[in-house]
C-alpha atoms as a PDB file:
ATOM      1  CA  UNK A   1       5.035 -20.864 -50.516  1.00  0.00           C
ATOM      2  CA  UNK A   2       5.117 -22.539 -53.675  1.00  0.00           C
ATOM      3  CA  UNK A   3       6.069 -20.996 -57.294  1.00  0.00           C
ATOM      4  CA  UNK A   4       2.007 -21.069 -58.155  1.00  0.00           C
ATOM      5  CA  UNK A   5       1.369 -19.238 -54.879  1.00  0.00           C
ATOM      6  CA  UNK A   6       4.118 -16.502 -54.967  1.00  0.00           C
ATOM      7  CA  UNK A   7       2.122 -16.095 -58.858  1.00  0.00           C
ATOM      8  CA  UNK A   8      -1.082 -15.610 -57.278  1.00  0.00           C
ATOM      9  CA  UNK A   9      -0.459 -13.904 -54.919  1.00  0.00           C
ATOM     10  CA  UNK A  10       1.468 -11.191 -57.022  1.00  0.00           C
ATOM     11  CA  UNK A  11      -1.383 -10.759 -59.172  1.00  0.00           C
ATOM     12  CA  UNK A  12      -4.201 -11.125 -56.399  1.00  0.00           C
ATOM     13  CA  UNK A  13      -1.661  -7.775 -55.259  1.00  0.00           C
ATOM     14  CA  UNK A  14      -1.689  -6.373 -58.163  1.00  0.00           C
ATOM     15  CA  UNK A  15      -5.958  -6.764 -58.761  1.00  0.00           C
ATOM     16  CA  UNK A  16      -6.390  -5.590 -55.524  1.00  0.00           C
ATOM     17  CA  UNK A  17      -4.926  -2.640 -55.474  1.00  0.00           C
ATOM     18  CA  UNK A  18      -7.143  -1.810 -58.626  1.00  0.00           C
ATOM     19  CA  UNK A  19     -10.505  -3.066 -57.368  1.00  0.00           C
ATOM     20  CA  UNK A  20      -9.820  -1.027 -53.633  1.00  0.00           C
ATOM     21  CA  UNK A  21      -9.444   1.623 -55.174  1.00  0.00           C
ATOM     22  CA  UNK A  22     -11.447   1.715 -58.329  1.00  0.00           C
ATOM     23  CA  UNK A  23     -14.070   0.239 -57.612  1.00  0.00           C
ATOM     24  CA  UNK A  24     -15.177   0.265 -53.732  1.00  0.00           C
ATOM     25  CA  UNK A  25     -17.149   3.278 -53.093  1.00  0.00           C
ATOM     26  CA  UNK A  26     -17.283   2.887 -49.564  1.00  0.00           C
ATOM     27  CA  UNK A  27     -16.401   6.621 -47.956  1.00  0.00           C
ATOM     28  CA  UNK A  28     -15.229   4.579 -44.865  1.00  0.00           C
ATOM     29  CA  UNK A  29     -12.533   3.340 -46.837  1.00  0.00           C
ATOM     30  CA  UNK A  30      -9.453   6.241 -46.841  1.00  0.00           C
ATOM     31  CA  UNK A  31      -5.950   5.929 -48.958  1.00  0.00           C
ATOM     32  CA  UNK A  32      -5.557   1.992 -49.032  1.00  0.00           C
ATOM     33  CA  UNK A  33      -1.809   0.855 -50.399  1.00  0.00           C
ATOM     34  CA  UNK A  34      -2.232  -3.302 -50.151  1.00  0.00           C
ATOM     35  CA  UNK A  35       1.707  -3.634 -49.456  1.00  0.00           C
ATOM     36  CA  UNK A  36       1.591  -7.312 -49.514  1.00  0.00           C
ATOM     37  CA  UNK A  37      -0.545 -10.291 -50.477  1.00  0.00           C
ATOM     38  CA  UNK A  38       0.558 -13.861 -48.852  1.00  0.00           C
ATOM     39  CA  UNK A  39      -1.509 -16.948 -50.314  1.00  0.00           C
ATOM     40  CA  UNK A  40      -1.565 -20.780 -48.334  1.00  0.00           C
ATOM     41  CA  UNK A  41       0.355 -23.209 -50.989  1.00  0.00           C
ATOM     42  CA  UNK A  42      -3.516 -24.894 -51.240  1.00  0.00           C
ATOM     43  CA  UNK A  43      -4.424 -21.457 -52.226  1.00  0.00           C
ATOM     44  CA  UNK A  44      -7.701 -21.388 -49.879  1.00  0.00           C
ATOM     45  CA  UNK A  45      -6.437 -18.247 -47.564  1.00  0.00           C
ATOM     46  CA  UNK A  46      -4.831 -14.819 -48.982  1.00  0.00           C
ATOM     47  CA  UNK A  47      -4.094 -13.038 -46.314  1.00  0.00           C
ATOM     48  CA  UNK A  48      -3.782  -9.289 -47.787  1.00  0.00           C
ATOM     49  CA  UNK A  49      -1.443  -7.024 -45.906  1.00  0.00           C
ATOM     50  CA  UNK A  50      -2.621  -2.770 -45.949  1.00  0.00           C
ATOM     51  CA  UNK A  51      -1.444   0.057 -45.399  1.00  0.00           C
ATOM     52  CA  UNK A  52      -3.946   3.094 -44.199  1.00  0.00           C
ATOM     53  CA  UNK A  53      -3.049   6.679 -44.082  1.00  0.00           C
ATOM     54  CA  UNK A  54      -4.673   8.143 -41.257  1.00  0.00           C
ATOM     55  CA  UNK A  55      -5.167   7.723 -37.392  1.00  0.00           C
ATOM     56  CA  UNK A  56      -6.487   4.403 -35.720  1.00  0.00           C
ATOM     57  CA  UNK A  57     -10.104   5.234 -35.983  1.00  0.00           C
ATOM     58  CA  UNK A  58      -9.883   6.242 -39.913  1.00  0.00           C
ATOM     59  CA  UNK A  59      -7.436   2.609 -39.845  1.00  0.00           C
ATOM     60  CA  UNK A  60     -10.573   0.581 -38.132  1.00  0.00           C
ATOM     61  CA  UNK A  61     -13.158   2.246 -40.373  1.00  0.00           C
ATOM     62  CA  UNK A  62     -11.561   1.126 -43.402  1.00  0.00           C
ATOM     63  CA  UNK A  63     -10.826  -2.454 -42.007  1.00  0.00           C
ATOM     64  CA  UNK A  64     -14.808  -2.588 -40.844  1.00  0.00           C
ATOM     65  CA  UNK A  65     -15.530  -1.178 -44.390  1.00  0.00           C
ATOM     66  CA  UNK A  66     -13.134  -3.798 -46.751  1.00  0.00           C
ATOM     67  CA  UNK A  67     -14.659  -6.753 -44.369  1.00  0.00           C
ATOM     68  CA  UNK A  68     -17.957  -5.245 -45.512  1.00  0.00           C
ATOM     69  CA  UNK A  69     -16.984  -5.624 -49.376  1.00  0.00           C
ATOM     70  CA  UNK A  70     -15.144  -8.637 -48.698  1.00  0.00           C
ATOM     71  CA  UNK A  71     -17.583 -10.683 -50.493  1.00  0.00           C
ATOM     72  CA  UNK A  72     -17.433  -7.759 -53.758  1.00  0.00           C
ATOM     73  CA  UNK A  73     -13.929  -7.681 -53.753  1.00  0.00           C
ATOM     74  CA  UNK A  74     -13.922 -12.024 -54.104  1.00  0.00           C
ATOM     75  CA  UNK A  75     -16.243 -11.918 -56.234  1.00  0.00           C
ATOM     76  CA  UNK A  76     -14.220  -9.431 -58.501  1.00  0.00           C
ATOM     77  CA  UNK A  77     -10.948 -11.125 -57.913  1.00  0.00           C
ATOM     78  CA  UNK A  78     -12.837 -14.440 -59.055  1.00  0.00           C
ATOM     79  CA  UNK A  79     -14.147 -12.670 -62.698  1.00  0.00           C
ATOM     80  CA  UNK A  80      -9.981 -11.322 -63.156  1.00  0.00           C
ATOM     81  CA  UNK A  81      -7.888 -14.506 -61.877  1.00  0.00           C
ATOM     82  CA  UNK A  82      -8.368 -18.047 -63.422  1.00  0.00           C
ATOM     83  CA  UNK A  83      -8.388 -20.159 -60.292  1.00  0.00           C
ATOM     84  CA  UNK A  84     -10.820 -23.637 -59.385  1.00  0.00           C
ATOM     85  CA  UNK A  85     -11.730 -21.109 -55.873  1.00  0.00           C
ATOM     86  CA  UNK A  86     -10.659 -18.090 -54.974  1.00  0.00           C
ATOM     87  CA  UNK A  87      -9.532 -18.076 -51.984  1.00  0.00           C
ATOM     88  CA  UNK A  88     -10.652 -16.516 -48.631  1.00  0.00           C
ATOM     89  CA  UNK A  89      -9.349 -13.039 -47.725  1.00  0.00           C
ATOM     90  CA  UNK A  90      -8.211 -11.691 -44.810  1.00  0.00           C
ATOM     91  CA  UNK A  91      -7.253  -8.100 -44.772  1.00  0.00           C
ATOM     92  CA  UNK A  92      -4.433  -6.592 -42.165  1.00  0.00           C
ATOM     93  CA  UNK A  93      -2.786  -3.677 -41.360  1.00  0.00           C
ATOM     94  CA  UNK A  94       1.033  -3.398 -42.012  1.00  0.00           C
ATOM     95  CA  UNK A  95       2.588  -2.182 -39.542  1.00  0.00           C
ATOM     96  CA  UNK A  96       6.062  -2.149 -41.129  1.00  0.00           C
ATOM     97  CA  UNK A  97       5.276   1.161 -42.669  1.00  0.00           C
ATOM     98  CA  UNK A  98       5.220   2.656 -39.186  1.00  0.00           C
ATOM     99  CA  UNK A  99       8.158   1.059 -37.339  1.00  0.00           C
ATOM    100  CA  UNK A 100      10.254   1.644 -40.634  1.00  0.00           C
ATOM    101  CA  UNK A 101       9.200   5.388 -39.543  1.00  0.00           C
ATOM    102  CA  UNK A 102       9.244   5.420 -35.956  1.00  0.00           C
ATOM    103  CA  UNK A 103      12.831   3.913 -36.168  1.00  0.00           C
ATOM    104  CA  UNK A 104      13.964   6.680 -38.459  1.00  0.00           C
ATOM    105  CA  UNK A 105      12.997   9.599 -36.236  1.00  0.00           C
ATOM    106  CA  UNK A 106      14.460   7.982 -32.949  1.00  0.00           C
ATOM    107  CA  UNK A 107      17.344   7.900 -35.475  1.00  0.00           C
ATOM    108  CA  UNK A 108      16.672  11.984 -35.952  1.00  0.00           C
ATOM    109  CA  UNK A 109      16.329  12.506 -32.395  1.00  0.00           C
ATOM    110  CA  UNK A 110      19.448  10.594 -31.242  1.00  0.00           C
ATOM    111  CA  UNK A 111      21.636  12.914 -34.184  1.00  0.00           C
ATOM    112  CA  UNK A 112      20.260  15.982 -32.741  1.00  0.00           C
ATOM    113  CA  UNK A 113      21.367  15.079 -28.785  1.00  0.00           C
ATOM    114  CA  UNK A 114      24.454  14.401 -30.555  1.00  0.00           C
ATOM    115  CA  UNK A 115      24.845  17.562 -31.954  1.00  0.00           C
ATOM    116  CA  UNK A 116      23.929  19.744 -28.724  1.00  0.00           C
END
């Protein structure tokens, strides 16, 4: 990723957190955290990684609501960040947190077994 794309991604991450947290009033969106944003080198697309608190159903509901609000979010980003063309947004659930928690739980189980 180029330096410029990296800078745009960092700025977008900050702004998206604010927009999703404060501007969107959809009750289907649960507790959502923007964990990462990856922008293509040509600044045409931005993949937004999010973690959502809750079960699988809650995650799917939040993703649907974010997809529905994509136009609004993109417009807000365009107003906040000076770019010739605002990148297309793609939302994806960041599984890294869950993966890390699963590994931690497995390590705790192994430790308990060793103690017994």
